[in-house]
Amino acid sequence: MRPTDMRAALFDTYGGPEVLYEGTVPVPAVGPGEVLIKVHAVSVNGGELTGRAGRLRLITGRRFPKRIGIDFAGEIAAADPAVRGLGLGDRVWGALPRGRFGSAAEYVTVRPRQIALSPAGLSPPEAASLVVGTTAITALRDKARLRGGERLLVRGASGGVGSIAVQYGKALGAHVTGLAGPRNLDFVRALGADEALDYTTTHPGDLPPFDVIFDTVGTDHPTYHRLLPPGGRMVAIAFDIDHIGPSLRYIAASTRHGPRRIRFFSGNPKHPDFADLTRYTEAGMLRPVVDTIHPLSAIATAHQALEAGGVRGKHIIQIT
């Protein structure tokens, strides 16, 4: 018999990592066409830091307490009778739909289109660290249409999405250059990058042209945009949070003028994306990169660690 209440990460006001705490909320009821996931692990994502800090409060609103967590790895605990193709105990991974938070909890409800069976042989923390691989795949395969032999630049190459983009870019046959902090250069090379450069000492003007630029950082878009040759493509999953208006206006203007537009998107993966991710992982093209595993009670520490920078892969919250 399942409990009626569960542990979850919460915050009652916008602010720094210290506003986060482990609290108790009701276990969600399974709605029509939904499944209940017993969550084993989630990752900490950069967008959650921005939301928690209140920088997007015009979108996120002022109703509290608020929840945290986007992705998850777990198992099916219950399902609406109308759901087919999934069984109790099936190990799955997935993400909440765009705009919804709350996976950092013992249970979460989703529709089957938000999940897929997770790869065999991965621990829950390893699986959770790879869920953002759907973003890297969408960026490079679908948005940039990266081809073998092309030159790829990955900004934020040691981070959660960037570390997977380096691996996936190499799997597609690209020549990969990764920008990262000085202590992470050997780590980025070990992921498969042909070159790893220190972003603190490398001026963009000294870099050669790149066919594709994948930006997970969000700053200096105009500077890096100039590195694209005719036919080059730039994909961004972040904007400059300290200069939101100018950053978004530049991205929007680039989409209207010229072939070298910046393709900006926010991940909202569905079942086919997770199924692809499973295949790539089981084929050995992608491997999990876990920086640190934290208990749910240390959710504030995990956010603080990610904000401090220098991450290698993902900070993971282990729920059960």
C-alpha atoms as a PDB file:
ATOM      1  CA  MET A   1       0.000   0.000   0.000  1.00  0.00           C
ATOM      2  CA  ARG A   2       1.401   3.377  -1.022  1.00  0.00           C
ATOM      3  CA  PRO A   3       1.665   6.203   1.528  1.00  0.00           C
ATOM      4  CA  THR A   4      -0.658   9.189   1.265  1.00  0.00           C
ATOM      5  CA  ASP A   5       2.168  11.707   1.769  1.00  0.00           C
ATOM      6  CA  MET A   6       5.639  11.915   0.278  1.00  0.00           C
ATOM      7  CA  ARG A   7       8.895  13.798   0.599  1.00  0.00           C
ATOM      8  CA  ALA A   8       9.536  16.562  -1.925  1.00  0.00           C
ATOM      9  CA  ALA A   9      11.854  19.510  -2.515  1.00  0.00           C
ATOM     10  CA  LEU A  10      10.052  22.807  -1.891  1.00  0.00           C
ATOM     11  CA  PHE A  11      10.647  26.536  -1.523  1.00  0.00           C
ATOM     12  CA  ASP A  12       8.406  29.213  -0.008  1.00  0.00           C
ATOM     13  CA  THR A  13      10.075  32.296  -1.424  1.00  0.00           C
ATOM     14  CA  TYR A  14      12.421  33.200  -4.259  1.00  0.00           C
ATOM     15  CA  GLY A  15      16.072  33.446  -3.381  1.00  0.00           C
ATOM     16  CA  GLY A  16      19.368  31.607  -3.120  1.00  0.00           C
ATOM     17  CA  PRO A  17      19.854  27.860  -2.664  1.00  0.00           C
ATOM     18  CA  GLU A  18      19.139  28.222   1.055  1.00  0.00           C
ATOM     19  CA  VAL A  19      15.403  28.697   0.369  1.00  0.00           C
ATOM     20  CA  LEU A  20      15.128  25.034  -0.658  1.00  0.00           C
ATOM     21  CA  TYR A  21      14.113  22.394   1.857  1.00  0.00           C
ATOM     22  CA  GLU A  22      12.758  18.868   2.056  1.00  0.00           C
ATOM     23  CA  GLY A  23       9.054  18.971   2.933  1.00  0.00           C
ATOM     24  CA  THR A  24       5.959  16.811   2.737  1.00  0.00           C
ATOM     25  CA  VAL A  25       3.164  16.941   0.163  1.00  0.00           C
ATOM     26  CA  PRO A  26       0.378  14.530  -0.825  1.00  0.00           C
ATOM     27  CA  VAL A  27       1.210  11.694  -3.211  1.00  0.00           C
ATOM     28  CA  PRO A  28      -0.374  12.706  -6.542  1.00  0.00           C
ATOM     29  CA  ALA A  29      -3.451  10.834  -7.699  1.00  0.00           C
ATOM     30  CA  VAL A  30      -3.260   8.970 -10.992  1.00  0.00           C
ATOM     31  CA  GLY A  31      -5.455  10.772 -13.501  1.00  0.00           C
ATOM     32  CA  PRO A  32      -6.989   9.463 -16.722  1.00  0.00           C
ATOM     33  CA  GLY A  33      -4.281   8.223 -19.087  1.00  0.00           C
ATOM     34  CA  GLU A  34      -1.508   8.789 -16.535  1.00  0.00           C
ATOM     35  CA  VAL A  35       1.108   6.675 -14.822  1.00  0.00           C
ATOM     36  CA  LEU A  36       2.570   7.114 -11.342  1.00  0.00           C
ATOM     37  CA  ILE A  37       6.360   7.017 -11.211  1.00  0.00           C
ATOM     38  CA  LYS A  38       8.257   6.090  -8.090  1.00  0.00           C
ATOM     39  CA  VAL A  39      11.215   8.414  -8.526  1.00  0.00           C
ATOM     40  CA  HIS A  40      14.683   7.094  -7.754  1.00  0.00           C
ATOM     41  CA  ALA A  41      16.845   9.994  -8.967  1.00  0.00           C
ATOM     42  CA  VAL A  42      16.646  13.401 -10.642  1.00  0.00           C
ATOM     43  CA  SER A  43      19.266  15.813 -11.944  1.00  0.00           C
ATOM     44  CA  VAL A  44      19.735  19.490 -11.132  1.00  0.00           C
ATOM     45  CA  ASN A  45      19.226  21.705 -14.192  1.00  0.00           C
ATOM     46  CA  GLY A  46      20.384  25.246 -14.827  1.00  0.00           C
ATOM     47  CA  GLY A  47      16.889  26.488 -15.601  1.00  0.00           C
ATOM     48  CA  GLU A  48      15.777  25.481 -12.124  1.00  0.00           C
ATOM     49  CA  LEU A  49      18.386  27.786 -10.596  1.00  0.00           C
ATOM     50  CA  THR A  50      17.000  30.693 -12.594  1.00  0.00           C
ATOM     51  CA  GLY A  51      13.422  29.888 -11.622  1.00  0.00           C
ATOM     52  CA  ARG A  52      14.244  29.420  -7.950  1.00  0.00           C
ATOM     53  CA  ALA A  53      16.077  32.747  -7.842  1.00  0.00           C
ATOM     54  CA  GLY A  54      12.949  34.529  -9.094  1.00  0.00           C
ATOM     55  CA  ARG A  55      14.456  35.879 -12.273  1.00  0.00           C
ATOM     56  CA  LEU A  56      11.464  34.601 -14.231  1.00  0.00           C
ATOM     57  CA  ARG A  57       8.825  35.466 -11.643  1.00  0.00           C
ATOM     58  CA  LEU A  58       6.642  37.168 -14.253  1.00  0.00           C
ATOM     59  CA  ILE A  59       6.213  33.680 -15.714  1.00  0.00           C
ATOM     60  CA  THR A  60       6.444  31.505 -12.613  1.00  0.00           C
ATOM     61  CA  GLY A  61       4.207  33.687 -10.449  1.00  0.00           C
ATOM     62  CA  ARG A  62       4.039  34.215  -6.689  1.00  0.00           C
ATOM     63  CA  ARG A  63       2.069  31.218  -5.470  1.00  0.00           C
ATOM     64  CA  PHE A  64       4.006  29.184  -2.908  1.00  0.00           C
ATOM     65  CA  PRO A  65       5.191  26.677  -1.943  1.00  0.00           C
ATOM     66  CA  LYS A  66       6.769  25.828  -5.266  1.00  0.00           C
ATOM     67  CA  ARG A  67       8.267  22.561  -6.418  1.00  0.00           C
ATOM     68  CA  ILE A  68      11.572  21.814  -8.116  1.00  0.00           C
ATOM     69  CA  GLY A  69      12.787  19.150 -10.542  1.00  0.00           C
ATOM     70  CA  ILE A  70      12.237  18.490 -14.242  1.00  0.00           C
ATOM     71  CA  ASP A  71      13.657  15.098 -15.214  1.00  0.00           C
ATOM     72  CA  PHE A  72      13.660  11.736 -13.457  1.00  0.00           C
ATOM     73  CA  ALA A  73      14.622   8.083 -13.490  1.00  0.00           C
ATOM     74  CA  GLY A  74      12.369   5.647 -11.683  1.00  0.00           C
ATOM     75  CA  GLU A  75       9.849   2.862 -12.065  1.00  0.00           C
ATOM     76  CA  ILE A  76       6.147   2.493 -12.747  1.00  0.00           C
ATOM     77  CA  ALA A  77       4.265   2.315  -9.437  1.00  0.00           C
ATOM     78  CA  ALA A  78       0.678   2.530 -10.768  1.00  0.00           C
ATOM     79  CA  ALA A  79      -1.162   3.280 -13.990  1.00  0.00           C
ATOM     80  CA  ASP A  80      -4.596   4.195 -15.225  1.00  0.00           C
ATOM     81  CA  PRO A  81      -6.248   1.015 -16.619  1.00  0.00           C
ATOM     82  CA  ALA A  82      -6.435   2.649 -20.048  1.00  0.00           C
ATOM     83  CA  VAL A  83      -2.615   2.827 -20.313  1.00  0.00           C
ATOM     84  CA  ARG A  84      -1.126   0.080 -22.472  1.00  0.00           C
ATOM     85  CA  GLY A  85       2.444  -1.057 -23.069  1.00  0.00           C
ATOM     86  CA  LEU A  86       3.780  -0.308 -19.597  1.00  0.00           C
ATOM     87  CA  GLY A  87       3.810  -2.601 -16.576  1.00  0.00           C
ATOM     88  CA  LEU A  88       4.289  -2.167 -12.863  1.00  0.00           C
ATOM     89  CA  GLY A  89       7.966  -2.139 -11.987  1.00  0.00           C
ATOM     90  CA  ASP A  90       9.132  -1.119 -15.468  1.00  0.00           C
ATOM     91  CA  ARG A  91      12.230   1.055 -15.172  1.00  0.00           C
ATOM     92  CA  VAL A  92      11.710   4.310 -17.048  1.00  0.00           C
ATOM     93  CA  TRP A  93      13.203   7.717 -17.564  1.00  0.00           C
ATOM     94  CA  GLY A  94      11.581  10.926 -18.682  1.00  0.00           C
ATOM     95  CA  ALA A  95      10.798  14.568 -18.003  1.00  0.00           C
ATOM     96  CA  LEU A  96       7.841  16.667 -16.984  1.00  0.00           C
ATOM     97  CA  PRO A  97       6.232  18.729 -19.754  1.00  0.00           C
ATOM     98  CA  ARG A  98       7.511  22.246 -20.320  1.00  0.00           C
ATOM     99  CA  GLY A  99       6.484  24.647 -17.586  1.00  0.00           C
ATOM    100  CA  ARG A 100       5.846  21.991 -14.956  1.00  0.00           C
ATOM    101  CA  PHE A 101       8.179  21.279 -12.037  1.00  0.00           C
ATOM    102  CA  GLY A 102       8.124  18.781  -9.191  1.00  0.00           C
ATOM    103  CA  SER A 103      10.073  15.650 -10.111  1.00  0.00           C
ATOM    104  CA  ALA A 104      12.329  16.076  -7.055  1.00  0.00           C
ATOM    105  CA  ALA A 105       9.929  14.016  -4.962  1.00  0.00           C
ATOM    106  CA  GLU A 106       9.183  10.399  -4.146  1.00  0.00           C
ATOM    107  CA  TYR A 107       6.389  10.171  -6.731  1.00  0.00           C
ATOM    108  CA  VAL A 108       5.298  12.026  -9.841  1.00  0.00           C
ATOM    109  CA  THR A 109       2.507  11.501 -12.383  1.00  0.00           C
ATOM    110  CA  VAL A 110       3.044  11.831 -16.136  1.00  0.00           C
ATOM    111  CA  ARG A 111       1.471  10.710 -19.377  1.00  0.00           C
ATOM    112  CA  PRO A 112       3.208   7.849 -21.187  1.00  0.00           C
ATOM    113  CA  ARG A 113       4.366  10.196 -23.953  1.00  0.00           C
ATOM    114  CA  GLN A 114       6.724  11.830 -21.415  1.00  0.00           C
ATOM    115  CA  ILE A 115       8.663   8.622 -20.666  1.00  0.00           C
ATOM    116  CA  ALA A 116      10.346   5.567 -22.188  1.00  0.00           C
ATOM    117  CA  LEU A 117      11.972   2.419 -20.896  1.00  0.00           C
ATOM    118  CA  SER A 118      15.437   3.327 -19.631  1.00  0.00           C
ATOM    119  CA  PRO A 119      18.606   1.531 -20.776  1.00  0.00           C
ATOM    120  CA  ALA A 120      19.593  -1.707 -19.128  1.00  0.00           C
ATOM    121  CA  GLY A 121      22.599  -1.653 -16.848  1.00  0.00           C
ATOM    122  CA  LEU A 122      22.409   1.939 -15.652  1.00  0.00           C
ATOM    123  CA  SER A 123      21.935   2.895 -12.030  1.00  0.00           C
ATOM    124  CA  PRO A 124      19.175   5.463 -11.361  1.00  0.00           C
ATOM    125  CA  PRO A 125      21.705   8.296 -10.839  1.00  0.00           C
ATOM    126  CA  GLU A 126      23.449   7.391 -14.100  1.00  0.00           C
ATOM    127  CA  ALA A 127      20.138   7.293 -15.946  1.00  0.00           C
ATOM    128  CA  ALA A 128      19.066  10.639 -14.485  1.00  0.00           C
ATOM    129  CA  SER A 129      22.338  12.221 -15.603  1.00  0.00           C
ATOM    130  CA  LEU A 130      21.653  11.244 -19.215  1.00  0.00           C
ATOM    131  CA  VAL A 131      18.066  12.456 -19.581  1.00  0.00           C
ATOM    132  CA  VAL A 132      19.262  15.856 -20.845  1.00  0.00           C
ATOM    133  CA  GLY A 133      20.833  13.945 -23.716  1.00  0.00           C
ATOM    134  CA  THR A 134      17.536  14.493 -25.513  1.00  0.00           C
ATOM    135  CA  THR A 135      18.417  18.197 -25.628  1.00  0.00           C
ATOM    136  CA  ALA A 136      21.852  17.551 -27.130  1.00  0.00           C
ATOM    137  CA  ILE A 137      20.397  15.172 -29.719  1.00  0.00           C
ATOM    138  CA  THR A 138      17.657  17.601 -30.706  1.00  0.00           C
ATOM    139  CA  ALA A 139      20.142  20.463 -30.961  1.00  0.00           C
ATOM    140  CA  LEU A 140      22.753  18.704 -33.085  1.00  0.00           C
ATOM    141  CA  ARG A 141      20.744  16.208 -35.112  1.00  0.00           C
ATOM    142  CA  ASP A 142      17.482  18.072 -35.678  1.00  0.00           C
ATOM    143  CA  LYS A 143      18.194  21.805 -35.294  1.00  0.00           C
ATOM    144  CA  ALA A 144      21.774  22.050 -36.606  1.00  0.00           C
ATOM    145  CA  ARG A 145      21.717  18.943 -38.825  1.00  0.00           C
ATOM    146  CA  LEU A 146      25.346  18.307 -37.929  1.00  0.00           C
ATOM    147  CA  ARG A 147      27.193  16.170 -40.470  1.00  0.00           C
ATOM    148  CA  GLY A 148      30.337  14.089 -40.313  1.00  0.00           C
ATOM    149  CA  GLY A 149      33.494  16.072 -41.015  1.00  0.00           C
ATOM    150  CA  GLU A 150      32.015  19.409 -39.912  1.00  0.00           C
ATOM    151  CA  ARG A 151      33.607  21.542 -37.198  1.00  0.00           C
ATOM    152  CA  LEU A 152      31.549  21.774 -33.997  1.00  0.00           C
ATOM    153  CA  LEU A 153      32.129  24.181 -31.099  1.00  0.00           C
ATOM    154  CA  VAL A 154      30.462  23.324 -27.779  1.00  0.00           C
ATOM    155  CA  ARG A 155      30.276  26.101 -25.183  1.00  0.00           C
ATOM    156  CA  GLY A 156      29.961  24.724 -21.663  1.00  0.00           C
ATOM    157  CA  ALA A 157      31.458  21.427 -22.758  1.00  0.00           C
ATOM    158  CA  SER A 158      31.907  20.003 -19.257  1.00  0.00           C
ATOM    159  CA  GLY A 159      28.336  20.641 -18.107  1.00  0.00           C
ATOM    160  CA  GLY A 160      25.295  18.389 -18.100  1.00  0.00           C
ATOM    161  CA  VAL A 161      24.173  19.028 -21.687  1.00  0.00           C
ATOM    162  CA  GLY A 162      27.577  20.021 -23.040  1.00  0.00           C
ATOM    163  CA  SER A 163      29.281  16.813 -21.922  1.00  0.00           C
ATOM    164  CA  ILE A 164      26.711  14.785 -23.840  1.00  0.00           C
ATOM    165  CA  ALA A 165      26.921  17.090 -26.877  1.00  0.00           C
ATOM    166  CA  VAL A 166      30.672  16.443 -27.077  1.00  0.00           C
ATOM    167  CA  GLN A 167      30.068  12.682 -27.092  1.00  0.00           C
ATOM    168  CA  TYR A 168      27.198  12.866 -29.572  1.00  0.00           C
ATOM    169  CA  GLY A 169      29.081  15.218 -31.891  1.00  0.00           C
ATOM    170  CA  LYS A 170      31.960  12.741 -32.063  1.00  0.00           C
ATOM    171  CA  ALA A 171      29.525   9.877 -32.671  1.00  0.00           C
ATOM    172  CA  LEU A 172      28.204  11.813 -35.681  1.00  0.00           C
ATOM    173  CA  GLY A 173      31.748  12.178 -37.014  1.00  0.00           C
ATOM    174  CA  ALA A 174      32.315  15.872 -36.332  1.00  0.00           C
ATOM    175  CA  HIS A 175      35.571  17.542 -35.327  1.00  0.00           C
ATOM    176  CA  VAL A 176      34.661  18.739 -31.822  1.00  0.00           C
ATOM    177  CA  THR A 177      36.137  21.679 -29.928  1.00  0.00           C
ATOM    178  CA  GLY A 178      34.954  22.162 -26.360  1.00  0.00           C
ATOM    179  CA  LEU A 179      35.160  25.340 -24.286  1.00  0.00           C
ATOM    180  CA  ALA A 180      35.401  24.695 -20.545  1.00  0.00           C
ATOM    181  CA  GLY A 181      37.089  25.896 -17.378  1.00  0.00           C
ATOM    182  CA  PRO A 182      40.811  25.242 -16.898  1.00  0.00           C
ATOM    183  CA  ARG A 183      40.425  22.333 -14.473  1.00  0.00           C
ATOM    184  CA  ASN A 184      38.045  20.506 -16.808  1.00  0.00           C
ATOM    185  CA  LEU A 185      40.064  20.485 -20.028  1.00  0.00           C
ATOM    186  CA  ASP A 186      41.422  16.946 -19.605  1.00  0.00           C
ATOM    187  CA  PHE A 187      37.920  15.809 -18.689  1.00  0.00           C
ATOM    188  CA  VAL A 188      36.493  17.252 -21.917  1.00  0.00           C
ATOM    189  CA  ARG A 189      39.230  15.587 -23.964  1.00  0.00           C
ATOM    190  CA  ALA A 190      38.429  12.278 -22.258  1.00  0.00           C
ATOM    191  CA  LEU A 191      34.838  12.655 -23.471  1.00  0.00           C
ATOM    192  CA  GLY A 192      36.207  12.580 -27.018  1.00  0.00           C
ATOM    193  CA  ALA A 193      36.766  16.233 -27.888  1.00  0.00           C
ATOM    194  CA  ASP A 194      39.477  16.827 -30.483  1.00  0.00           C
ATOM    195  CA  GLU A 195      40.346  20.092 -28.764  1.00  0.00           C
ATOM    196  CA  ALA A 196      39.537  21.486 -25.318  1.00  0.00           C
ATOM    197  CA  LEU A 197      40.114  25.201 -24.737  1.00  0.00           C
ATOM    198  CA  ASP A 198      40.042  27.291 -21.577  1.00  0.00           C
ATOM    199  CA  TYR A 199      37.182  29.759 -21.953  1.00  0.00           C
ATOM    200  CA  THR A 200      38.812  32.132 -19.442  1.00  0.00           C
ATOM    201  CA  THR A 201      41.849  32.699 -21.668  1.00  0.00           C
ATOM    202  CA  THR A 202      40.493  31.991 -25.156  1.00  0.00           C
ATOM    203  CA  HIS A 203      39.159  35.066 -26.924  1.00  0.00           C
ATOM    204  CA  PRO A 204      36.424  34.243 -29.461  1.00  0.00           C
ATOM    205  CA  GLY A 205      38.191  36.420 -32.015  1.00  0.00           C
ATOM    206  CA  ASP A 206      41.142  34.018 -31.952  1.00  0.00           C
ATOM    207  CA  LEU A 207      38.985  31.008 -32.813  1.00  0.00           C
ATOM    208  CA  PRO A 208      38.605  29.659 -36.348  1.00  0.00           C
ATOM    209  CA  PRO A 209      35.239  29.404 -38.114  1.00  0.00           C
ATOM    210  CA  PHE A 210      32.889  26.602 -37.070  1.00  0.00           C
ATOM    211  CA  ASP A 211      30.158  24.973 -39.116  1.00  0.00           C
ATOM    212  CA  VAL A 212      28.042  24.489 -35.982  1.00  0.00           C
ATOM    213  CA  ILE A 213      28.123  26.233 -32.603  1.00  0.00           C
ATOM    214  CA  PHE A 214      26.156  24.721 -29.731  1.00  0.00           C
ATOM    215  CA  ASP A 215      25.745  27.253 -26.931  1.00  0.00           C
ATOM    216  CA  THR A 216      24.714  26.091 -23.459  1.00  0.00           C
ATOM    217  CA  VAL A 217      26.007  29.263 -21.757  1.00  0.00           C
ATOM    218  CA  GLY A 218      23.862  32.083 -23.140  1.00  0.00           C
ATOM    219  CA  THR A 219      26.251  35.057 -23.024  1.00  0.00           C
ATOM    220  CA  ASP A 220      28.035  36.875 -25.885  1.00  0.00           C
ATOM    221  CA  HIS A 221      25.815  35.498 -28.639  1.00  0.00           C
ATOM    222  CA  PRO A 222      26.834  38.205 -31.149  1.00  0.00           C
ATOM    223  CA  THR A 223      30.541  37.500 -30.616  1.00  0.00           C
ATOM    224  CA  TYR A 224      30.250  33.779 -31.233  1.00  0.00           C
ATOM    225  CA  HIS A 225      27.710  34.256 -34.008  1.00  0.00           C
ATOM    226  CA  ARG A 226      30.461  35.950 -36.050  1.00  0.00           C
ATOM    227  CA  LEU A 227      32.442  32.688 -36.107  1.00  0.00           C
ATOM    228  CA  LEU A 228      29.910  31.103 -38.450  1.00  0.00           C
ATOM    229  CA  PRO A 229      30.872  30.876 -42.132  1.00  0.00           C
ATOM    230  CA  PRO A 230      28.207  31.020 -44.838  1.00  0.00           C
ATOM    231  CA  GLY A 231      25.972  28.029 -44.219  1.00  0.00           C
ATOM    232  CA  GLY A 232      27.008  27.833 -40.564  1.00  0.00           C
ATOM    233  CA  ARG A 233      24.438  27.115 -37.862  1.00  0.00           C
ATOM    234  CA  MET A 234      24.222  28.157 -34.226  1.00  0.00           C
ATOM    235  CA  VAL A 235      21.927  26.475 -31.710  1.00  0.00           C
ATOM    236  CA  ALA A 236      21.378  28.011 -28.270  1.00  0.00           C
ATOM    237  CA  ILE A 237      19.554  26.574 -25.268  1.00  0.00           C
ATOM    238  CA  ALA A 238      20.332  29.513 -22.958  1.00  0.00           C
ATOM    239  CA  PHE A 239      20.125  33.281 -23.019  1.00  0.00           C
ATOM    240  CA  ASP A 240      21.906  35.954 -20.990  1.00  0.00           C
ATOM    241  CA  ILE A 241      19.921  35.992 -17.765  1.00  0.00           C
ATOM    242  CA  ASP A 242      21.547  39.281 -16.683  1.00  0.00           C
ATOM    243  CA  HIS A 243      20.517  40.991 -19.940  1.00  0.00           C
ATOM    244  CA  ILE A 244      17.331  39.164 -20.848  1.00  0.00           C
ATOM    245  CA  GLY A 245      15.827  41.777 -23.178  1.00  0.00           C
ATOM    246  CA  PRO A 246      18.866  42.439 -25.398  1.00  0.00           C
ATOM    247  CA  SER A 247      19.755  38.745 -25.471  1.00  0.00           C
ATOM    248  CA  LEU A 248      16.320  37.610 -26.612  1.00  0.00           C
ATOM    249  CA  ARG A 249      16.035  40.476 -29.095  1.00  0.00           C
ATOM    250  CA  TYR A 250      19.325  39.488 -30.718  1.00  0.00           C
ATOM    251  CA  ILE A 251      18.219  35.867 -30.999  1.00  0.00           C
ATOM    252  CA  ALA A 252      14.861  36.917 -32.459  1.00  0.00           C
ATOM    253  CA  ALA A 253      16.510  39.263 -34.976  1.00  0.00           C
ATOM    254  CA  SER A 254      18.882  36.526 -36.099  1.00  0.00           C
ATOM    255  CA  THR A 255      15.961  34.232 -36.932  1.00  0.00           C
ATOM    256  CA  ARG A 256      14.552  36.801 -39.363  1.00  0.00           C
ATOM    257  CA  HIS A 257      17.684  37.839 -41.198  1.00  0.00           C
ATOM    258  CA  GLY A 258      20.074  35.650 -43.134  1.00  0.00           C
ATOM    259  CA  PRO A 259      20.840  31.937 -43.286  1.00  0.00           C
ATOM    260  CA  ARG A 260      23.062  31.962 -40.190  1.00  0.00           C
ATOM    261  CA  ARG A 261      20.185  32.421 -37.754  1.00  0.00           C
ATOM    262  CA  ILE A 262      20.428  31.281 -34.156  1.00  0.00           C
ATOM    263  CA  ARG A 263      18.114  28.380 -33.531  1.00  0.00           C
ATOM    264  CA  PHE A 264      16.929  28.797 -29.952  1.00  0.00           C
ATOM    265  CA  PHE A 265      14.809  26.189 -28.239  1.00  0.00           C
ATOM    266  CA  SER A 266      13.751  24.926 -24.844  1.00  0.00           C
ATOM    267  CA  GLY A 267      13.685  21.162 -24.421  1.00  0.00           C
ATOM    268  CA  ASN A 268      10.304  19.452 -24.200  1.00  0.00           C
ATOM    269  CA  PRO A 269      11.141  15.828 -25.059  1.00  0.00           C
ATOM    270  CA  LYS A 270       8.555  13.171 -25.816  1.00  0.00           C
ATOM    271  CA  HIS A 271       8.577   9.372 -25.963  1.00  0.00           C
ATOM    272  CA  PRO A 272      10.389   9.102 -29.347  1.00  0.00           C
ATOM    273  CA  ASP A 273      13.208  11.321 -28.038  1.00  0.00           C
ATOM    274  CA  PHE A 274      13.701   9.153 -24.953  1.00  0.00           C
ATOM    275  CA  ALA A 275      13.498   6.001 -27.066  1.00  0.00           C
ATOM    276  CA  ASP A 276      16.274   7.406 -29.309  1.00  0.00           C
ATOM    277  CA  LEU A 277      18.324   8.282 -26.254  1.00  0.00           C
ATOM    278  CA  THR A 278      17.939   4.723 -24.986  1.00  0.00           C
ATOM    279  CA  ARG A 279      19.180   3.319 -28.300  1.00  0.00           C
ATOM    280  CA  TYR A 280      22.197   5.616 -28.434  1.00  0.00           C
ATOM    281  CA  THR A 281      23.117   4.778 -24.850  1.00  0.00           C
ATOM    282  CA  GLU A 282      22.767   1.029 -25.305  1.00  0.00           C
ATOM    283  CA  ALA A 283      24.859   1.275 -28.487  1.00  0.00           C
ATOM    284  CA  GLY A 284      27.699   2.806 -26.459  1.00  0.00           C
ATOM    285  CA  MET A 285      27.532   6.207 -28.161  1.00  0.00           C
ATOM    286  CA  LEU A 286      26.744   8.036 -24.921  1.00  0.00           C
ATOM    287  CA  ARG A 287      27.864   7.422 -21.377  1.00  0.00           C
ATOM    288  CA  PRO A 288      26.596   8.964 -18.151  1.00  0.00           C
ATOM    289  CA  VAL A 289      28.644  11.621 -16.412  1.00  0.00           C
ATOM    290  CA  VAL A 290      27.771  12.061 -12.735  1.00  0.00           C
ATOM    291  CA  ASP A 291      29.549  14.786 -10.792  1.00  0.00           C
ATOM    292  CA  THR A 292      28.079  14.284  -7.298  1.00  0.00           C
ATOM    293  CA  ILE A 293      25.131  12.390  -5.809  1.00  0.00           C
ATOM    294  CA  HIS A 294      23.196  14.240  -3.100  1.00  0.00           C
ATOM    295  CA  PRO A 295      20.306  13.070  -0.894  1.00  0.00           C
ATOM    296  CA  LEU A 296      16.992  14.907  -1.206  1.00  0.00           C
ATOM    297  CA  SER A 297      17.638  16.550   2.153  1.00  0.00           C
ATOM    298  CA  ALA A 298      20.688  18.236   0.594  1.00  0.00           C
ATOM    299  CA  ILE A 299      18.799  19.827  -2.308  1.00  0.00           C
ATOM    300  CA  ALA A 300      20.095  23.267  -1.277  1.00  0.00           C
ATOM    301  CA  THR A 301      23.690  21.988  -1.294  1.00  0.00           C
ATOM    302  CA  ALA A 302      23.196  20.557  -4.790  1.00  0.00           C
ATOM    303  CA  HIS A 303      21.923  23.891  -6.128  1.00  0.00           C
ATOM    304  CA  GLN A 304      24.786  25.698  -4.438  1.00  0.00           C
ATOM    305  CA  ALA A 305      27.302  23.317  -6.029  1.00  0.00           C
ATOM    306  CA  LEU A 306      25.890  23.850  -9.517  1.00  0.00           C
ATOM    307  CA  GLU A 307      25.855  27.629  -9.073  1.00  0.00           C
ATOM    308  CA  ALA A 308      29.520  27.507  -8.018  1.00  0.00           C
ATOM    309  CA  GLY A 309      30.445  26.315 -11.516  1.00  0.00           C
ATOM    310  CA  GLY A 310      33.074  23.867 -12.682  1.00  0.00           C
ATOM    311  CA  VAL A 311      30.594  20.995 -12.834  1.00  0.00           C
ATOM    312  CA  ARG A 312      31.525  17.778 -14.623  1.00  0.00           C
ATOM    313  CA  GLY A 313      28.332  16.328 -16.009  1.00  0.00           C
ATOM    314  CA  LYS A 314      25.432  16.342 -13.582  1.00  0.00           C
ATOM    315  CA  HIS A 315      24.673  16.891  -9.933  1.00  0.00           C
ATOM    316  CA  ILE A 316      22.154  14.208  -8.997  1.00  0.00           C
ATOM    317  CA  ILE A 317      19.518  14.041  -6.266  1.00  0.00           C
ATOM    318  CA  GLN A 318      18.955  10.440  -5.162  1.00  0.00           C
ATOM    319  CA  ILE A 319      15.421  10.063  -3.845  1.00  0.00           C
ATOM    320  CA  THR A 320      15.212   6.331  -3.059  1.00  0.00           C
END
